[in-house]
Protein backbone atom coordinates (compact mmCIF):
# COMPACT_ATOMS: atom_id res chain seq x y z
CA MET A 1 -4.26 1.07 -21.53
CA ALA A 2 -4.05 0.07 -17.93
CA SER A 3 -3.55 2.82 -15.34
CA SER A 4 -0.93 2.29 -12.37
CA LEU A 5 -2.44 2.63 -8.73
CA THR A 6 -1.65 6.07 -8.48
CA THR A 7 -3.85 9.24 -8.19
CA ASP A 8 -4.95 10.63 -11.42
CA ALA A 9 -6.53 14.12 -11.84
CA ASN A 10 -9.06 14.90 -14.70
CA VAL A 11 -11.31 17.66 -15.30
CA GLN A 12 -13.41 15.58 -17.50
CA PRO A 13 -16.29 13.79 -15.84
CA PRO A 14 -14.95 10.13 -15.08
CA ILE A 15 -17.87 8.02 -16.90
CA ILE A 16 -17.47 4.42 -15.59
CA SER A 17 -17.91 2.50 -18.84
CA ASP A 18 -16.65 -1.08 -17.72
CA TYR A 19 -16.71 -2.93 -14.45
CA SER A 20 -14.91 -6.44 -15.17
CA GLY A 21 -11.63 -8.10 -14.92
CA GLY A 22 -11.20 -7.02 -11.08
CA GLY A 23 -11.26 -3.26 -11.90
CA PHE A 24 -12.89 -0.27 -13.61
CA THR A 25 -12.63 1.26 -16.83
CA ILE A 26 -12.68 5.09 -16.15
CA GLY A 27 -12.55 7.78 -18.80
CA GLY A 28 -11.05 5.04 -21.26
CA MET A 29 -8.61 4.04 -18.87
CA PHE A 30 -8.36 0.74 -16.84
CA TYR A 31 -7.82 0.80 -12.99
CA ALA A 32 -7.45 -2.63 -11.16
CA GLY A 33 -8.69 -3.13 -7.75
CA SER A 34 -11.16 -0.90 -5.88
CA VAL A 35 -11.26 2.77 -6.53
CA MET A 36 -12.26 6.08 -5.18
CA ILE A 37 -13.24 8.92 -7.18
CA THR A 38 -13.52 12.38 -5.77
CA GLY A 39 -14.41 15.79 -7.16
CA GLU A 40 -11.68 18.35 -6.12
CA ASP A 41 -12.57 22.20 -6.10
CA GLY A 42 -11.00 23.77 -9.09
CA THR A 43 -8.67 20.89 -9.94
CA GLY A 44 -11.28 18.33 -11.35
CA TYR A 45 -11.88 14.63 -10.51
CA VAL A 46 -9.46 12.43 -8.75
CA ILE A 47 -9.34 8.79 -9.25
CA GLU A 48 -7.42 6.69 -6.75
CA PRO A 49 -6.85 3.47 -5.28
CA TRP A 50 -9.08 2.48 -2.50
CA SER A 51 -7.52 0.00 0.14
CA VAL A 52 -11.01 -1.77 0.60
CA ASP A 53 -11.51 -5.22 -0.83
CA ASP A 54 -14.35 -6.74 1.31
CA ALA A 55 -17.31 -5.19 2.05
CA GLU A 56 -17.29 -6.17 5.78
CA THR A 57 -14.05 -3.79 6.30
CA ILE A 58 -15.77 -0.76 4.99
CA SER A 59 -15.79 2.06 7.55
CA VAL A 60 -15.84 6.01 8.22
CA ASP A 61 -12.33 5.93 8.56
CA ASN A 62 -11.47 4.47 4.83
CA LEU A 63 -13.90 6.96 3.49
CA GLY A 64 -12.12 9.84 5.20
CA ARG A 65 -10.81 11.10 2.14
CA ILE A 66 -14.28 11.92 1.14
CA TYR A 67 -15.90 13.43 3.94
CA GLN A 68 -12.94 15.49 5.10
CA SER A 69 -12.25 17.18 1.85
CA ALA A 70 -12.80 20.70 1.66
CA ASP A 71 -14.89 20.10 -1.50
CA ARG A 72 -17.29 17.65 0.38
CA PRO A 73 -19.92 15.78 -1.70
CA ASN A 74 -23.59 15.93 -0.99
CA LEU A 75 -23.54 12.20 -1.81
CA ILE A 76 -21.36 9.08 -1.78
CA VAL A 77 -22.15 6.35 -4.13
CA LEU A 78 -20.62 3.27 -2.51
CA GLY A 79 -20.39 0.01 -4.29
CA ILE A 80 -19.84 -3.04 -2.01
CA GLY A 81 -19.21 -5.86 -4.41
CA ASP A 82 -21.43 -8.11 -6.10
CA GLN A 83 -23.98 -8.77 -3.31
CA MET A 84 -26.04 -6.55 -0.93
CA ASN A 85 -25.26 -8.81 2.34
CA HIS A 86 -25.15 -6.17 4.98
CA PRO A 87 -27.65 -3.16 5.87
CA PHE A 88 -24.45 -0.75 7.05
CA ALA A 89 -26.67 1.17 9.57
CA GLN A 90 -23.65 2.37 11.62
CA LEU A 91 -21.78 3.72 8.50
CA ARG A 92 -25.18 5.46 7.23
CA THR A 93 -25.49 7.03 10.71
CA ALA A 94 -21.92 8.19 11.02
CA LEU A 95 -21.99 9.62 7.53
CA SER A 96 -25.34 11.26 8.30
CA LYS A 97 -23.67 12.91 11.39
CA GLN A 98 -21.12 14.33 8.92
CA GLY A 99 -23.78 15.66 6.80
CA ILE A 100 -23.34 13.46 3.92
CA ALA A 101 -25.71 11.00 2.44
CA VAL A 102 -24.68 7.63 1.34
CA GLU A 103 -26.15 5.18 -1.34
CA ILE A 104 -25.01 1.77 -0.72
CA LEU A 105 -25.45 -0.51 -3.73
CA THR A 106 -23.90 -3.64 -5.48
CA THR A 107 -20.71 -2.27 -7.50
CA PRO A 108 -22.55 -2.83 -10.73
CA ALA A 109 -25.43 -0.68 -9.61
CA ALA A 110 -23.14 2.11 -7.97
CA CYS A 111 -21.33 2.35 -11.29
CA ARG A 112 -24.60 2.85 -13.21
CA THR A 113 -25.83 5.16 -10.41
CA TRP A 114 -22.63 7.34 -10.57
CA ASN A 115 -22.71 7.75 -14.27
CA LEU A 116 -26.39 8.82 -14.19
CA LEU A 117 -25.66 11.49 -11.09
CA LEU A 118 -22.74 12.81 -13.15
CA SER A 119 -24.93 13.47 -15.98
CA GLU A 120 -27.00 15.33 -13.87
CA GLY A 121 -24.35 17.58 -12.77
CA ARG A 122 -24.49 16.28 -9.03
CA LYS A 123 -21.99 16.78 -6.69
CA VAL A 124 -21.15 12.94 -5.57
CA ALA A 125 -18.21 11.02 -4.74
CA PHE A 126 -17.72 7.20 -5.40
CA ALA A 127 -16.10 4.31 -4.03
CA ALA A 128 -16.44 0.85 -4.88
CA ILE A 129 -15.00 -2.55 -4.31
CA ALA A 130 -13.69 -4.46 -7.40
CA SER A 131 -14.98 -7.83 -8.10
CA LYS A 132 -13.05 -10.69 -7.25
CA THR A 133 -14.51 -13.15 -9.77
CA SER A 134 -15.01 -11.42 -13.19
């Protein structure tokens, strides 16, 4: 079953079981395109479309939903696509000033890391670019 590009709230930890076909299978639902997952205080997790489709356009501004949240995470897991091609020094510095660490990985590695951190009960957020080729 495919999910439309709307915000979905879920109290169950949103495990990513597949990353292919230009989207993500999260909690048994397919989400086309890039996604962002945040943990909202008292309401569960929110899975929503993320407007970024190119690593070169990632900025603090398009991660604002995460770091401006009242229920801010300790860490953002950021998937930048299929290849690591940029050090993102300015992004790391800007988020550090906001008190949030960021783990920047290829999207497949970000999916695995997200699942692991969720299993440990960590307070994390996820934003990842969907593959354009698979």
